Amino acid sequence: MKVGLSSAHFFCLKSWGSNKEFSMMQDQLSQIKNSIISILNSLNLELVDLEYLGNARKGILRVTIDKPGGVTLEECEKASRNIAPALDVYNIIDHSYVLEVSSPGLDRPLKNPEDFQKAVEKLVRIRTVPRINPQAVFVGRLISVQENGTIEVLIEGKKEEKITVLFKDIAAANLEVEW
C-alpha cells in the first residue's frame, strides 16, 4: 500500500544494501524527479531536494519544495495531493512508502551554485573538508559566488576575515537563521 502524506521538512539516498540497489534507486529518483517537476511547476513551486530513506521493502520519499517568499503548509498539502497519484500511476516505487512534502525551512540547505547565488548577502554556515585555517565550520555573510568554482564569505567577529572556499571542499552548507 502506498501512502501520501504531507509533512514539514529535504538528492540523497540512505540505507540501501548493495551498489546494484543504490544504482537502481538513483534511477528511480531520476524518474520521480522527471514525473513531479511539471506538477510542481504547474503549482508555481520549485523542487529543492528529493531524498529516499529506507530499503527495498519500505521507505520514506521526501520532496522538499519552495517558492520566492516561502511555502505554506497548505501548498505542501496541495503538492502532496497532486504528486501522490502521479507516482501511483507511474508505479516507479513498487513497494510501500510514505510521501513527505515539506519546505526547506529557515535554515535551508545550500546544495548547488544556484542555491549559493540566491543566498548572496545572507548569513550562512559552511562545513569544509579539508579544514581551512585550521577550522572546518564557518559562519559568515556570503559575499559572492565566483565562476571559477569558489565562494567568498565574510567572517565577522573580533576581526573581520574574508575566506575563499572551493565548492568541492564544501561538505555541507545552509542558511543561518538571523534574529
N, C-alpha and C. Protein backbone atom coordinates (compact mmCIF):
# COMPACT_ATOMS: atom_id res chain seq x y z
N MET A 1 0.84 -1.18 0.00
CA MET A 1 0.00 0.00 0.00
C MET A 1 0.88 1.24 0.00
N LYS A 2 0.58 2.18 -0.83
CA LYS A 2 1.32 3.42 -0.90
C LYS A 2 0.53 4.49 -0.20
N VAL A 3 1.22 5.34 0.53
CA VAL A 3 0.54 6.37 1.30
C VAL A 3 1.13 7.72 0.98
N GLY A 4 0.31 8.71 0.74
CA GLY A 4 0.79 10.07 0.51
C GLY A 4 0.41 10.94 1.69
N LEU A 5 1.39 11.51 2.34
CA LEU A 5 1.16 12.39 3.48
C LEU A 5 1.93 13.68 3.30
N SER A 6 1.50 14.71 3.95
CA SER A 6 2.26 15.96 3.96
C SER A 6 2.97 16.07 5.29
N SER A 7 4.13 16.66 5.27
CA SER A 7 4.91 16.87 6.47
C SER A 7 5.74 18.12 6.28
N ALA A 8 6.18 18.73 7.37
CA ALA A 8 7.00 19.91 7.22
C ALA A 8 8.49 19.53 7.29
N HIS A 9 9.39 19.29 6.20
CA HIS A 9 10.86 19.09 6.09
C HIS A 9 11.56 19.04 4.71
N PHE A 10 13.28 17.27 3.29
CA PHE A 10 14.50 17.55 2.43
C PHE A 10 14.98 16.38 1.53
N PHE A 11 19.37 15.51 -3.21
CA PHE A 11 19.13 14.18 -3.83
C PHE A 11 20.14 13.35 -3.11
N CYS A 12 19.50 12.60 -1.99
CA CYS A 12 20.45 11.68 -1.44
C CYS A 12 19.74 10.39 -1.09
N LEU A 13 20.50 9.32 -0.94
CA LEU A 13 19.94 8.02 -0.63
C LEU A 13 20.60 7.49 0.62
N LYS A 14 19.83 6.79 1.44
CA LYS A 14 20.40 6.19 2.64
C LYS A 14 19.80 4.81 2.85
N SER A 15 20.54 3.95 3.49
CA SER A 15 20.08 2.63 3.91
C SER A 15 19.84 1.65 2.77
N TRP A 16 20.58 1.77 1.70
CA TRP A 16 20.47 0.79 0.63
C TRP A 16 21.63 -0.17 0.72
N GLY A 17 21.34 -1.46 0.60
CA GLY A 17 22.34 -2.50 0.80
C GLY A 17 23.43 -2.54 -0.23
N SER A 18 23.14 -3.00 -1.43
CA SER A 18 24.17 -3.22 -2.44
C SER A 18 24.30 -2.04 -3.38
N ASN A 19 25.42 -2.03 -4.11
CA ASN A 19 25.62 -0.99 -5.13
C ASN A 19 24.56 -1.09 -6.21
N LYS A 20 24.11 -2.32 -6.51
CA LYS A 20 23.07 -2.51 -7.52
C LYS A 20 21.78 -1.84 -7.05
N GLU A 21 21.40 -2.05 -5.77
CA GLU A 21 20.19 -1.42 -5.23
C GLU A 21 20.33 0.10 -5.24
N PHE A 22 21.51 0.59 -4.87
CA PHE A 22 21.76 2.03 -4.83
C PHE A 22 21.59 2.62 -6.22
N SER A 23 22.19 1.98 -7.22
CA SER A 23 22.10 2.46 -8.60
C SER A 23 20.65 2.42 -9.09
N MET A 24 19.94 1.35 -8.73
CA MET A 24 18.55 1.23 -9.12
C MET A 24 17.72 2.37 -8.51
N MET A 25 17.94 2.68 -7.23
CA MET A 25 17.17 3.74 -6.59
C MET A 25 17.53 5.10 -7.16
N GLN A 26 18.79 5.31 -7.54
CA GLN A 26 19.17 6.57 -8.20
C GLN A 26 18.37 6.74 -9.49
N ASP A 27 18.23 5.66 -10.27
CA ASP A 27 17.43 5.71 -11.49
C ASP A 27 15.98 6.03 -11.16
N GLN A 28 15.45 5.42 -10.10
CA GLN A 28 14.07 5.68 -9.70
C GLN A 28 13.89 7.13 -9.27
N LEU A 29 14.84 7.67 -8.51
CA LEU A 29 14.75 9.07 -8.09
C LEU A 29 14.76 10.00 -9.30
N SER A 30 15.56 9.67 -10.28
CA SER A 30 15.60 10.47 -11.50
C SER A 30 14.24 10.42 -12.21
N GLN A 31 13.63 9.24 -12.27
CA GLN A 31 12.30 9.10 -12.87
C GLN A 31 11.25 9.88 -12.06
N ILE A 32 11.36 9.79 -10.74
CA ILE A 32 10.42 10.51 -9.86
C ILE A 32 10.56 12.01 -10.10
N LYS A 33 11.80 12.48 -10.13
CA LYS A 33 12.05 13.91 -10.37
C LYS A 33 11.40 14.35 -11.68
N ASN A 34 11.63 13.58 -12.75
CA ASN A 34 11.05 13.92 -14.05
C ASN A 34 9.52 13.90 -14.00
N SER A 35 8.95 13.03 -13.19
CA SER A 35 7.49 12.90 -13.09
C SER A 35 6.85 14.05 -12.32
N ILE A 36 7.57 14.60 -11.34
CA ILE A 36 6.92 15.60 -10.48
C ILE A 36 7.27 17.04 -10.81
N ILE A 37 8.31 17.26 -11.59
CA ILE A 37 8.72 18.63 -11.94
C ILE A 37 7.58 19.40 -12.57
N SER A 38 6.90 18.80 -13.55
CA SER A 38 5.82 19.53 -14.23
C SER A 38 4.65 19.79 -13.28
N ILE A 39 4.40 18.87 -12.37
CA ILE A 39 3.33 19.07 -11.37
C ILE A 39 3.67 20.27 -10.50
N LEU A 40 4.90 20.30 -10.00
CA LEU A 40 5.33 21.41 -9.14
C LEU A 40 5.32 22.72 -9.91
N ASN A 41 5.79 22.70 -11.16
CA ASN A 41 5.79 23.92 -11.98
C ASN A 41 4.37 24.45 -12.15
N SER A 42 3.41 23.55 -12.35
CA SER A 42 2.01 23.98 -12.52
C SER A 42 1.46 24.62 -11.25
N LEU A 43 2.07 24.31 -10.11
CA LEU A 43 1.66 24.90 -8.83
C LEU A 43 2.54 26.09 -8.45
N ASN A 44 3.41 26.52 -9.39
CA ASN A 44 4.36 27.61 -9.17
C ASN A 44 5.31 27.32 -8.01
N LEU A 45 5.76 26.06 -7.94
CA LEU A 45 6.69 25.63 -6.89
C LEU A 45 7.95 25.08 -7.54
N GLU A 46 9.06 25.13 -6.81
CA GLU A 46 10.31 24.55 -7.32
C GLU A 46 10.71 23.37 -6.46
N LEU A 47 11.31 22.37 -7.09
CA LEU A 47 11.84 21.22 -6.37
C LEU A 47 13.21 21.60 -5.82
N VAL A 48 13.34 21.55 -4.51
CA VAL A 48 14.60 21.89 -3.85
C VAL A 48 15.43 20.63 -3.64
N ASP A 49 14.77 19.56 -3.20
CA ASP A 49 15.50 18.34 -2.89
C ASP A 49 14.57 17.14 -2.98
N LEU A 50 15.18 16.00 -3.21
CA LEU A 50 14.47 14.74 -3.31
C LEU A 50 15.33 13.71 -2.59
N GLU A 51 14.73 12.99 -1.64
CA GLU A 51 15.50 12.06 -0.82
C GLU A 51 14.68 10.82 -0.56
N TYR A 52 15.33 9.66 -0.63
CA TYR A 52 14.67 8.41 -0.27
C TYR A 52 15.42 7.80 0.91
N LEU A 53 14.68 7.47 1.96
CA LEU A 53 15.24 6.80 3.13
C LEU A 53 14.53 5.47 3.29
N GLY A 54 15.26 4.42 3.51
CA GLY A 54 14.64 3.13 3.72
C GLY A 54 15.36 2.04 2.98
N ASN A 55 14.59 1.02 2.59
CA ASN A 55 15.17 -0.11 1.89
C ASN A 55 14.24 -0.53 0.76
N ALA A 56 14.49 -1.70 0.19
CA ALA A 56 13.74 -2.14 -0.98
C ALA A 56 12.33 -2.63 -0.64
N ARG A 57 11.95 -2.62 0.64
CA ARG A 57 10.61 -3.07 1.03
C ARG A 57 9.74 -1.95 1.58
N LYS A 58 10.35 -0.94 2.17
CA LYS A 58 9.58 0.11 2.82
C LYS A 58 10.46 1.35 2.96
N GLY A 59 9.88 2.53 2.77
CA GLY A 59 10.71 3.72 2.88
C GLY A 59 9.92 5.01 2.99
N ILE A 60 10.69 6.09 2.98
CA ILE A 60 10.13 7.44 3.03
C ILE A 60 10.69 8.20 1.84
N LEU A 61 9.81 8.78 1.05
CA LEU A 61 10.22 9.65 -0.06
C LEU A 61 9.96 11.08 0.39
N ARG A 62 11.04 11.86 0.53
CA ARG A 62 10.93 13.25 0.95
C ARG A 62 11.11 14.16 -0.25
N VAL A 63 10.14 15.02 -0.44
CA VAL A 63 10.16 16.01 -1.52
C VAL A 63 10.16 17.37 -0.85
N THR A 64 11.21 18.14 -1.07
CA THR A 64 11.30 19.47 -0.49
C THR A 64 11.04 20.49 -1.58
N ILE A 65 10.11 21.41 -1.30
CA ILE A 65 9.67 22.39 -2.29
C ILE A 65 9.84 23.80 -1.73
N ASP A 66 9.85 24.77 -2.64
CA ASP A 66 9.95 26.16 -2.22
C ASP A 66 9.43 27.05 -3.33
N LYS A 67 9.31 28.31 -3.01
CA LYS A 67 8.99 29.37 -3.99
C LYS A 67 9.46 30.67 -3.36
N PRO A 68 9.62 31.71 -4.15
CA PRO A 68 10.01 33.00 -3.57
C PRO A 68 9.02 33.39 -2.47
N GLY A 69 9.54 33.76 -1.33
CA GLY A 69 8.69 34.11 -0.20
C GLY A 69 8.33 32.94 0.69
N GLY A 70 8.70 31.72 0.28
CA GLY A 70 8.43 30.54 1.09
C GLY A 70 7.11 29.87 0.75
N VAL A 71 6.95 28.65 1.24
CA VAL A 71 5.72 27.89 1.00
C VAL A 71 4.95 27.72 2.30
N THR A 72 3.66 27.57 2.16
CA THR A 72 2.79 27.37 3.31
C THR A 72 2.49 25.88 3.48
N LEU A 73 1.95 25.53 4.63
CA LEU A 73 1.53 24.16 4.87
C LEU A 73 0.48 23.74 3.84
N GLU A 74 -0.42 24.66 3.50
CA GLU A 74 -1.46 24.35 2.52
C GLU A 74 -0.84 24.03 1.15
N GLU A 75 0.22 24.74 0.77
CA GLU A 75 0.89 24.46 -0.51
C GLU A 75 1.59 23.11 -0.47
N CYS A 76 2.15 22.74 0.67
CA CYS A 76 2.77 21.42 0.82
C CYS A 76 1.71 20.33 0.68
N GLU A 77 0.57 20.55 1.31
CA GLU A 77 -0.53 19.58 1.22
C GLU A 77 -1.02 19.44 -0.21
N LYS A 78 -1.19 20.57 -0.89
CA LYS A 78 -1.67 20.56 -2.28
C LYS A 78 -0.67 19.84 -3.18
N ALA A 79 0.62 20.10 -2.98
CA ALA A 79 1.65 19.42 -3.76
C ALA A 79 1.60 17.92 -3.51
N SER A 80 1.45 17.53 -2.25
CA SER A 80 1.37 16.11 -1.90
C SER A 80 0.17 15.44 -2.56
N ARG A 81 -0.98 16.12 -2.51
CA ARG A 81 -2.21 15.57 -3.12
C ARG A 81 -2.06 15.42 -4.64
N ASN A 82 -1.23 16.24 -5.27
CA ASN A 82 -1.01 16.15 -6.72
C ASN A 82 0.09 15.17 -7.08
N ILE A 83 1.11 15.05 -6.23
CA ILE A 83 2.24 14.17 -6.52
C ILE A 83 1.88 12.70 -6.28
N ALA A 84 1.20 12.40 -5.19
CA ALA A 84 0.91 11.01 -4.82
C ALA A 84 0.22 10.22 -5.93
N PRO A 85 -0.85 10.74 -6.54
CA PRO A 85 -1.49 9.96 -7.61
C PRO A 85 -0.59 9.77 -8.83
N ALA A 86 0.21 10.77 -9.14
CA ALA A 86 1.12 10.65 -10.29
C ALA A 86 2.14 9.53 -10.04
N LEU A 87 2.67 9.46 -8.82
CA LEU A 87 3.63 8.40 -8.50
C LEU A 87 2.96 7.03 -8.57
N ASP A 88 1.71 6.96 -8.14
CA ASP A 88 0.99 5.69 -8.23
C ASP A 88 0.75 5.28 -9.68
N VAL A 89 0.41 6.22 -10.53
CA VAL A 89 0.16 5.93 -11.95
C VAL A 89 1.44 5.41 -12.61
N TYR A 90 2.56 6.10 -12.37
CA TYR A 90 3.83 5.70 -12.99
C TYR A 90 4.42 4.47 -12.32
N ASN A 91 3.99 4.15 -11.08
CA ASN A 91 4.44 2.98 -10.34
C ASN A 91 5.97 2.85 -10.32
N ILE A 92 6.64 3.95 -10.07
CA ILE A 92 8.11 3.97 -10.05
C ILE A 92 8.63 3.25 -8.81
N ILE A 93 7.98 3.47 -7.68
CA ILE A 93 8.35 2.77 -6.45
C ILE A 93 7.33 1.65 -6.27
N ASP A 94 7.83 0.39 -6.32
CA ASP A 94 6.92 -0.74 -6.32
C ASP A 94 6.73 -1.38 -4.94
N HIS A 95 6.95 -0.60 -3.89
CA HIS A 95 6.77 -1.11 -2.54
C HIS A 95 6.16 -0.01 -1.67
N SER A 96 5.90 -0.34 -0.45
CA SER A 96 5.28 0.60 0.49
C SER A 96 6.23 1.75 0.82
N TYR A 97 5.71 2.96 0.82
CA TYR A 97 6.50 4.13 1.20
C TYR A 97 5.57 5.23 1.70
N VAL A 98 6.16 6.17 2.41
CA VAL A 98 5.44 7.35 2.87
C VAL A 98 5.98 8.53 2.10
N LEU A 99 5.09 9.36 1.58
CA LEU A 99 5.48 10.58 0.87
C LEU A 99 5.41 11.74 1.84
N GLU A 100 6.53 12.43 2.00
CA GLU A 100 6.57 13.65 2.81
C GLU A 100 6.90 14.82 1.90
N VAL A 101 6.08 15.84 1.93
CA VAL A 101 6.33 17.05 1.15
C VAL A 101 6.49 18.19 2.15
N SER A 102 7.59 18.93 2.03
CA SER A 102 7.86 19.97 3.02
C SER A 102 8.63 21.14 2.43
N SER A 103 8.77 22.17 3.23
CA SER A 103 9.59 23.32 2.85
C SER A 103 11.01 23.08 3.34
N PRO A 104 11.97 23.81 2.82
CA PRO A 104 13.36 23.64 3.28
C PRO A 104 13.60 24.28 4.63
N GLY A 105 12.69 25.10 5.10
CA GLY A 105 12.85 25.74 6.41
C GLY A 105 13.71 26.99 6.34
N LEU A 106 13.81 27.66 7.47
CA LEU A 106 14.59 28.89 7.55
C LEU A 106 16.08 28.64 7.36
N ASP A 107 16.53 27.45 7.76
CA ASP A 107 17.95 27.10 7.64
C ASP A 107 18.19 26.23 6.41
N ARG A 108 17.57 26.63 5.32
CA ARG A 108 17.61 25.93 4.04
C ARG A 108 19.01 25.45 3.68
N PRO A 109 19.15 24.19 3.25
CA PRO A 109 20.44 23.72 2.79
C PRO A 109 20.82 24.37 1.46
N LEU A 110 22.11 24.59 1.27
CA LEU A 110 22.64 25.14 0.02
C LEU A 110 23.40 24.00 -0.64
N LYS A 111 22.94 23.57 -1.80
CA LYS A 111 23.49 22.37 -2.41
C LYS A 111 24.18 22.60 -3.74
N ASN A 112 23.80 23.64 -4.46
CA ASN A 112 24.37 23.86 -5.79
C ASN A 112 24.66 25.35 -5.98
N PRO A 113 25.39 25.70 -7.03
CA PRO A 113 25.74 27.10 -7.25
C PRO A 113 24.54 28.04 -7.28
N GLU A 114 23.40 27.57 -7.81
CA GLU A 114 22.21 28.42 -7.86
C GLU A 114 21.72 28.74 -6.45
N ASP A 115 21.75 27.76 -5.55
CA ASP A 115 21.36 27.99 -4.15
C ASP A 115 22.27 29.05 -3.52
N PHE A 116 23.57 28.93 -3.77
CA PHE A 116 24.52 29.89 -3.20
C PHE A 116 24.28 31.28 -3.79
N GLN A 117 23.99 31.34 -5.09
CA GLN A 117 23.75 32.64 -5.73
C GLN A 117 22.56 33.34 -5.09
N LYS A 118 21.50 32.59 -4.80
CA LYS A 118 20.32 33.16 -4.14
C LYS A 118 20.62 33.61 -2.71
N ALA A 119 21.67 33.06 -2.12
CA ALA A 119 21.99 33.35 -0.72
C ALA A 119 23.02 34.47 -0.55
N VAL A 120 23.48 35.08 -1.66
CA VAL A 120 24.45 36.17 -1.55
C VAL A 120 23.88 37.25 -0.64
N GLU A 121 24.71 37.76 0.24
CA GLU A 121 24.41 38.78 1.26
C GLU A 121 23.68 38.22 2.47
N LYS A 122 23.46 36.91 2.51
CA LYS A 122 22.80 36.30 3.67
C LYS A 122 23.83 35.60 4.55
N LEU A 123 23.43 35.35 5.78
CA LEU A 123 24.28 34.65 6.74
C LEU A 123 24.22 33.15 6.44
N VAL A 124 25.40 32.52 6.35
CA VAL A 124 25.47 31.10 6.01
C VAL A 124 26.38 30.36 7.00
N ARG A 125 26.15 29.07 7.12
CA ARG A 125 27.04 28.18 7.89
C ARG A 125 27.60 27.17 6.90
N ILE A 126 28.92 27.05 6.87
CA ILE A 126 29.58 26.16 5.92
C ILE A 126 30.54 25.24 6.68
N ARG A 127 30.46 23.95 6.36
CA ARG A 127 31.41 22.97 6.90
C ARG A 127 32.27 22.50 5.74
N THR A 128 33.58 22.56 5.92
CA THR A 128 34.51 22.20 4.86
C THR A 128 35.30 20.95 5.19
N VAL A 129 35.70 20.25 4.16
CA VAL A 129 36.66 19.16 4.24
C VAL A 129 37.55 19.35 3.03
N PRO A 130 38.81 19.67 3.20
CA PRO A 130 39.57 19.71 4.45
C PRO A 130 39.33 21.02 5.22
N ARG A 131 39.96 21.08 6.37
CA ARG A 131 39.88 22.29 7.21
C ARG A 131 40.58 23.45 6.50
N ILE A 132 40.13 24.66 6.87
CA ILE A 132 40.75 25.89 6.34
C ILE A 132 41.15 26.73 7.54
N ASN A 133 42.37 27.05 7.66
CA ASN A 133 42.93 27.97 8.69
C ASN A 133 42.60 27.64 10.13
N PRO A 134 42.76 26.74 10.81
CA PRO A 134 42.53 25.29 10.80
C PRO A 134 41.09 24.92 11.12
N GLN A 135 40.14 25.74 10.79
CA GLN A 135 38.73 25.49 11.08
C GLN A 135 38.07 24.62 10.03
N ALA A 136 36.94 24.02 10.42
CA ALA A 136 36.14 23.26 9.48
C ALA A 136 34.73 23.84 9.37
N VAL A 137 34.32 24.68 10.33
CA VAL A 137 32.98 25.26 10.31
C VAL A 137 33.11 26.78 10.35
N PHE A 138 32.39 27.44 9.43
CA PHE A 138 32.44 28.89 9.33
C PHE A 138 31.02 29.44 9.29
N VAL A 139 30.79 30.52 10.02
CA VAL A 139 29.52 31.24 9.95
C VAL A 139 29.86 32.66 9.54
N GLY A 140 29.25 33.11 8.47
CA GLY A 140 29.54 34.46 7.98
C GLY A 140 28.60 34.86 6.86
N ARG A 141 28.82 36.05 6.37
CA ARG A 141 28.00 36.62 5.32
C ARG A 141 28.56 36.18 3.97
N LEU A 142 27.73 35.56 3.12
CA LEU A 142 28.15 35.15 1.78
C LEU A 142 28.29 36.39 0.93
N ILE A 143 29.50 36.65 0.45
CA ILE A 143 29.78 37.86 -0.32
C ILE A 143 29.55 37.63 -1.81
N SER A 144 30.09 36.51 -2.31
CA SER A 144 29.99 36.28 -3.75
C SER A 144 30.13 34.81 -4.10
N VAL A 145 29.64 34.50 -5.30
CA VAL A 145 29.79 33.18 -5.90
C VAL A 145 30.54 33.42 -7.20
N GLN A 146 31.70 32.81 -7.32
CA GLN A 146 32.56 33.04 -8.48
C GLN A 146 32.39 31.94 -9.53
N GLU A 147 32.62 32.29 -10.78
CA GLU A 147 32.51 31.32 -11.88
C GLU A 147 33.63 30.29 -11.83
N ASN A 148 34.69 30.56 -11.09
CA ASN A 148 35.81 29.62 -11.01
C ASN A 148 35.56 28.51 -9.99
N GLY A 149 34.33 28.41 -9.47
CA GLY A 149 34.01 27.34 -8.55
C GLY A 149 34.31 27.64 -7.10
N THR A 150 34.30 28.92 -6.74
CA THR A 150 34.56 29.30 -5.35
C THR A 150 33.47 30.24 -4.84
N ILE A 151 33.42 30.35 -3.52
CA ILE A 151 32.56 31.34 -2.88
C ILE A 151 33.42 32.15 -1.93
N GLU A 152 32.99 33.38 -1.65
CA GLU A 152 33.68 34.21 -0.68
C GLU A 152 32.72 34.50 0.46
N VAL A 153 33.24 34.33 1.69
CA VAL A 153 32.44 34.52 2.89
C VAL A 153 33.17 35.49 3.81
N LEU A 154 32.44 36.47 4.33
CA LEU A 154 33.00 37.41 5.29
C LEU A 154 32.66 36.90 6.69
N ILE A 155 33.69 36.53 7.42
CA ILE A 155 33.54 36.03 8.79
C ILE A 155 33.64 37.23 9.71
N GLU A 156 32.58 37.47 10.47
CA GLU A 156 32.56 38.61 11.38
C GLU A 156 32.93 38.15 12.77
N GLY A 157 33.59 38.96 13.49
CA GLY A 157 34.00 38.62 14.86
C GLY A 157 34.89 39.72 15.38
N LYS A 158 35.84 39.33 16.24
CA LYS A 158 36.79 40.32 16.75
C LYS A 158 37.51 41.00 15.59
N LYS A 159 37.80 40.21 14.59
CA LYS A 159 38.47 40.72 13.41
C LYS A 159 37.76 40.16 12.18
N GLU A 160 37.30 41.04 11.29
CA GLU A 160 36.66 40.55 10.07
C GLU A 160 37.68 39.85 9.20
N GLU A 161 37.27 38.73 8.63
CA GLU A 161 38.16 37.95 7.78
C GLU A 161 37.37 37.45 6.60
N LYS A 162 37.93 37.59 5.41
CA LYS A 162 37.28 37.07 4.21
C LYS A 162 37.96 35.76 3.84
N ILE A 163 37.15 34.71 3.67
CA ILE A 163 37.72 33.43 3.24
C ILE A 163 37.16 33.06 1.88
N THR A 164 37.94 32.30 1.13
CA THR A 164 37.52 31.78 -0.16
C THR A 164 37.47 30.27 -0.04
N VAL A 165 36.35 29.69 -0.44
CA VAL A 165 36.14 28.25 -0.32
C VAL A 165 35.80 27.68 -1.68
N LEU A 166 36.46 26.58 -2.04
CA LEU A 166 36.14 25.86 -3.27
C LEU A 166 34.86 25.07 -3.07
N PHE A 167 33.98 25.05 -4.08
CA PHE A 167 32.76 24.25 -3.98
C PHE A 167 33.07 22.81 -3.61
N LYS A 168 34.13 22.25 -4.20
CA LYS A 168 34.46 20.85 -3.96
C LYS A 168 34.86 20.58 -2.51
N ASP A 169 35.22 21.63 -1.77
CA ASP A 169 35.61 21.46 -0.37
C ASP A 169 34.45 21.65 0.60
N ILE A 170 33.26 21.96 0.09
CA ILE A 170 32.10 22.19 0.97
C ILE A 170 31.43 20.85 1.23
N ALA A 171 31.47 20.43 2.49
CA ALA A 171 30.81 19.18 2.90
C ALA A 171 29.33 19.42 3.14
N ALA A 172 28.99 20.57 3.72
CA ALA A 172 27.60 20.93 3.99
C ALA A 172 27.50 22.44 4.11
N ALA A 173 26.38 22.99 3.71
CA ALA A 173 26.15 24.42 3.85
C ALA A 173 24.66 24.67 3.98
N ASN A 174 24.34 25.71 4.76
CA ASN A 174 22.94 26.08 4.90
C ASN A 174 22.85 27.54 5.31
N LEU A 175 21.65 28.10 5.12
CA LEU A 175 21.41 29.44 5.61
C LEU A 175 21.40 29.39 7.13
N GLU A 176 21.85 30.45 7.72
CA GLU A 176 21.83 30.57 9.18
C GLU A 176 20.66 31.49 9.53
N VAL A 177 19.88 31.10 10.51
CA VAL A 177 18.72 31.91 10.91
C VAL A 177 19.21 33.19 11.57
N GLU A 178 18.71 34.33 11.08
CA GLU A 178 19.06 35.62 11.65
C GLU A 178 17.89 36.14 12.48
N TRP A 179 18.15 36.51 13.70
CA TRP A 179 17.08 37.02 14.58
C TRP A 179 17.05 38.49 14.59
